[in-house]
């Protein structure tokens, strides 16, 4: 199956999500947060750096729960910026 290329807006949204997760993680290690969310540290690294700009819903939900973020807040802060 061929994956459709991401739009610039989708890439930008992924970068915003990554920044938000890094900020929420603070001084805690990637390994600690990833393990608590049931993910690999590499998966978290890819999300935080924007290399995985469209993570699965349940991955984002698990990270939000561990980091104390609400899904509403994530949607609001990561939504596309109006042009």
N, C-alpha and C. Protein backbone atom coordinates (compact mmCIF):
# COMPACT_ATOMS: atom_id res chain seq x y z
N UNK A 1 0.84 -1.17 0.00
CA UNK A 1 0.00 0.00 0.00
C UNK A 1 0.89 1.25 0.00
N UNK A 2 0.59 2.16 -0.86
CA UNK A 2 1.34 3.41 -0.97
C UNK A 2 0.68 4.45 -0.09
N UNK A 3 1.50 5.10 0.71
CA UNK A 3 0.97 6.13 1.60
C UNK A 3 0.97 7.48 0.88
N UNK A 4 -0.12 8.21 1.01
CA UNK A 4 -0.24 9.53 0.41
C UNK A 4 0.73 10.48 1.11
N UNK A 5 1.48 11.27 0.36
CA UNK A 5 2.39 12.23 0.99
C UNK A 5 1.63 13.20 1.89
N UNK A 6 2.28 13.58 2.96
CA UNK A 6 1.67 14.53 3.89
C UNK A 6 1.69 15.94 3.31
N UNK A 7 0.67 16.68 3.66
CA UNK A 7 0.62 18.08 3.25
C UNK A 7 1.52 18.90 4.17
N UNK A 8 1.91 20.09 3.75
CA UNK A 8 2.69 20.96 4.64
C UNK A 8 1.95 21.23 5.96
N UNK A 9 0.63 21.34 5.90
CA UNK A 9 -0.15 21.59 7.11
C UNK A 9 -0.07 20.40 8.07
N UNK A 10 -0.10 19.19 7.54
CA UNK A 10 0.00 18.00 8.39
C UNK A 10 1.39 17.91 9.03
N UNK A 11 2.40 18.25 8.26
CA UNK A 11 3.76 18.25 8.82
C UNK A 11 3.89 19.30 9.93
N UNK A 12 3.34 20.48 9.68
CA UNK A 12 3.40 21.55 10.68
C UNK A 12 2.65 21.15 11.96
N UNK A 13 1.48 20.52 11.79
CA UNK A 13 0.72 20.07 12.95
C UNK A 13 1.52 19.04 13.75
N UNK A 14 2.21 18.15 13.04
CA UNK A 14 3.06 17.16 13.71
C UNK A 14 4.20 17.80 14.47
N UNK A 15 4.78 18.85 13.90
CA UNK A 15 5.85 19.57 14.59
C UNK A 15 5.33 20.26 15.84
N UNK A 16 4.12 20.84 15.76
CA UNK A 16 3.51 21.48 16.95
C UNK A 16 3.26 20.44 18.03
N UNK A 17 2.76 19.26 17.64
CA UNK A 17 2.52 18.19 18.60
C UNK A 17 3.83 17.80 19.27
N UNK A 18 4.87 17.64 18.49
CA UNK A 18 6.17 17.27 19.03
C UNK A 18 6.68 18.28 20.04
N UNK A 19 6.58 19.57 19.70
CA UNK A 19 7.01 20.62 20.63
C UNK A 19 6.21 20.59 21.93
N UNK A 20 4.91 20.42 21.79
CA UNK A 20 4.03 20.38 22.96
C UNK A 20 4.40 19.21 23.87
N UNK A 21 4.64 18.05 23.29
CA UNK A 21 5.01 16.88 24.09
C UNK A 21 6.36 17.08 24.77
N UNK A 22 7.33 17.65 24.05
CA UNK A 22 8.64 17.92 24.65
C UNK A 22 8.50 18.86 25.83
N UNK A 23 7.71 19.93 25.65
CA UNK A 23 7.51 20.89 26.74
C UNK A 23 6.86 20.23 27.94
N UNK A 24 5.84 19.41 27.70
CA UNK A 24 5.12 18.74 28.79
C UNK A 24 6.01 17.72 29.49
N UNK A 25 6.92 17.11 28.75
CA UNK A 25 7.83 16.11 29.34
C UNK A 25 8.79 16.77 30.30
N UNK A 26 9.19 18.01 30.01
CA UNK A 26 10.11 18.74 30.89
C UNK A 26 11.41 17.99 31.09
N UNK A 27 11.86 17.89 32.34
CA UNK A 27 13.14 17.23 32.60
C UNK A 27 13.07 15.70 32.62
N UNK A 28 11.87 15.15 32.54
CA UNK A 28 11.75 13.69 32.56
C UNK A 28 12.34 13.10 31.28
N UNK A 29 12.89 11.92 31.40
CA UNK A 29 13.55 11.31 30.24
C UNK A 29 12.53 10.74 29.26
N UNK A 30 12.96 10.65 28.01
CA UNK A 30 12.14 10.01 26.98
C UNK A 30 11.84 8.57 27.35
N UNK A 31 12.82 7.89 27.87
CA UNK A 31 12.66 6.48 28.22
C UNK A 31 11.58 6.32 29.29
N UNK A 32 11.60 7.18 30.29
CA UNK A 32 10.62 7.14 31.37
C UNK A 32 9.20 7.35 30.85
N UNK A 33 9.01 8.39 30.04
CA UNK A 33 7.68 8.73 29.52
C UNK A 33 7.21 7.66 28.55
N UNK A 34 8.09 7.24 27.66
CA UNK A 34 7.71 6.22 26.68
C UNK A 34 7.29 4.92 27.37
N UNK A 35 8.05 4.50 28.35
CA UNK A 35 7.73 3.26 29.07
C UNK A 35 6.38 3.38 29.78
N UNK A 36 6.14 4.51 30.40
CA UNK A 36 4.87 4.71 31.10
C UNK A 36 3.68 4.71 30.13
N UNK A 37 3.93 5.14 28.89
CA UNK A 37 2.86 5.18 27.88
C UNK A 37 2.77 3.88 27.08
N UNK A 38 3.70 2.96 27.33
CA UNK A 38 3.69 1.69 26.61
C UNK A 38 4.26 1.79 25.21
N UNK A 39 5.19 2.72 25.01
CA UNK A 39 5.81 2.95 23.71
C UNK A 39 7.31 2.75 23.81
N UNK A 40 7.95 2.66 22.67
CA UNK A 40 9.41 2.65 22.68
C UNK A 40 9.91 4.09 22.74
N UNK A 41 11.10 4.27 23.26
CA UNK A 41 11.69 5.60 23.31
C UNK A 41 11.90 6.13 21.89
N UNK A 42 12.19 5.23 20.94
CA UNK A 42 12.38 5.65 19.54
C UNK A 42 11.08 6.21 18.95
N UNK A 43 9.95 5.60 19.29
CA UNK A 43 8.67 6.12 18.81
C UNK A 43 8.44 7.52 19.35
N UNK A 44 8.67 7.72 20.63
CA UNK A 44 8.50 9.04 21.22
C UNK A 44 9.47 10.03 20.59
N UNK A 45 10.71 9.62 20.36
CA UNK A 45 11.70 10.49 19.73
C UNK A 45 11.21 10.93 18.34
N UNK A 46 10.68 10.00 17.57
CA UNK A 46 10.19 10.34 16.23
C UNK A 46 9.03 11.32 16.28
N UNK A 47 8.14 11.14 17.25
CA UNK A 47 7.00 12.06 17.38
C UNK A 47 7.50 13.44 17.80
N UNK A 48 8.38 13.49 18.79
CA UNK A 48 8.87 14.77 19.29
C UNK A 48 9.67 15.55 18.25
N UNK A 49 10.34 14.84 17.36
CA UNK A 49 11.17 15.53 16.35
C UNK A 49 10.42 15.78 15.06
N UNK A 50 9.17 15.32 14.97
CA UNK A 50 8.38 15.54 13.77
C UNK A 50 8.61 14.51 12.68
N UNK A 51 9.43 13.49 12.95
CA UNK A 51 9.66 12.45 11.95
C UNK A 51 8.48 11.50 11.84
N UNK A 52 7.59 11.53 12.84
CA UNK A 52 6.34 10.76 12.80
C UNK A 52 5.22 11.77 13.07
N UNK A 53 4.88 12.58 12.07
CA UNK A 53 3.94 13.69 12.29
C UNK A 53 2.48 13.28 12.44
N UNK A 54 2.15 12.03 12.15
CA UNK A 54 0.75 11.60 12.27
C UNK A 54 0.67 10.32 13.10
N UNK A 55 1.02 10.40 14.39
CA UNK A 55 0.94 9.20 15.22
C UNK A 55 -0.50 8.74 15.40
N UNK A 56 -0.66 7.48 15.72
CA UNK A 56 -1.99 6.91 15.94
C UNK A 56 -2.68 7.58 17.13
N UNK A 57 -4.00 7.63 17.06
CA UNK A 57 -4.79 8.26 18.12
C UNK A 57 -4.44 7.69 19.50
N UNK A 58 -4.39 6.36 19.61
CA UNK A 58 -4.15 5.75 20.92
C UNK A 58 -2.73 6.02 21.43
N UNK A 59 -1.80 6.23 20.53
CA UNK A 59 -0.44 6.62 20.93
C UNK A 59 -0.47 8.01 21.55
N UNK A 60 -1.15 8.92 20.89
CA UNK A 60 -1.26 10.30 21.41
C UNK A 60 -2.03 10.29 22.73
N UNK A 61 -3.10 9.52 22.80
CA UNK A 61 -3.90 9.46 24.03
C UNK A 61 -3.06 8.91 25.19
N UNK A 62 -2.25 7.89 24.94
CA UNK A 62 -1.41 7.33 26.00
C UNK A 62 -0.39 8.36 26.48
N UNK A 63 0.23 9.06 25.54
CA UNK A 63 1.20 10.10 25.93
C UNK A 63 0.53 11.23 26.69
N UNK A 64 -0.64 11.65 26.23
CA UNK A 64 -1.37 12.72 26.91
C UNK A 64 -1.68 12.32 28.35
N UNK A 65 -2.11 11.08 28.54
CA UNK A 65 -2.42 10.61 29.89
C UNK A 65 -1.21 10.64 30.80
N UNK A 66 -0.08 10.17 30.31
CA UNK A 66 1.15 10.14 31.11
C UNK A 66 1.64 11.55 31.41
N UNK A 67 1.48 12.45 30.46
CA UNK A 67 1.98 13.82 30.62
C UNK A 67 0.98 14.76 31.27
N UNK A 68 -0.22 14.27 31.57
CA UNK A 68 -1.22 15.10 32.22
C UNK A 68 -1.84 16.14 31.29
N UNK A 69 -1.87 15.84 30.00
CA UNK A 69 -2.48 16.75 29.03
C UNK A 69 -3.87 16.25 28.67
N UNK A 70 -4.79 17.16 28.44
CA UNK A 70 -6.11 16.74 27.99
C UNK A 70 -6.10 16.65 26.47
N UNK A 71 -6.91 15.77 25.94
CA UNK A 71 -7.02 15.66 24.49
C UNK A 71 -7.58 16.95 23.90
N UNK A 72 -8.48 17.61 24.62
CA UNK A 72 -9.01 18.90 24.15
C UNK A 72 -7.89 19.92 23.98
N UNK A 73 -6.99 19.96 24.96
CA UNK A 73 -5.87 20.90 24.90
C UNK A 73 -4.97 20.57 23.71
N UNK A 74 -4.70 19.29 23.49
CA UNK A 74 -3.87 18.89 22.35
C UNK A 74 -4.49 19.32 21.03
N UNK A 75 -5.78 19.09 20.90
CA UNK A 75 -6.48 19.47 19.66
C UNK A 75 -6.40 20.97 19.45
N UNK A 76 -6.67 21.72 20.50
CA UNK A 76 -6.65 23.18 20.41
C UNK A 76 -5.27 23.70 20.05
N UNK A 77 -4.25 23.17 20.69
CA UNK A 77 -2.90 23.69 20.50
C UNK A 77 -2.21 23.16 19.25
N UNK A 78 -2.71 22.07 18.70
CA UNK A 78 -2.08 21.48 17.51
C UNK A 78 -2.91 21.65 16.24
N UNK A 79 -4.07 22.25 16.36
CA UNK A 79 -4.94 22.44 15.20
C UNK A 79 -4.25 23.33 14.16
N UNK A 80 -4.65 23.18 12.91
CA UNK A 80 -4.06 24.04 11.88
C UNK A 80 -4.29 25.51 12.18
N UNK A 81 -3.29 26.29 11.86
CA UNK A 81 -3.37 27.74 12.05
C UNK A 81 -4.16 28.31 10.88
N UNK A 82 -5.23 29.08 11.16
CA UNK A 82 -6.01 29.66 10.06
C UNK A 82 -5.14 30.56 9.19
N UNK A 83 -5.37 30.52 7.88
CA UNK A 83 -4.56 31.36 6.98
C UNK A 83 -5.13 32.74 6.82
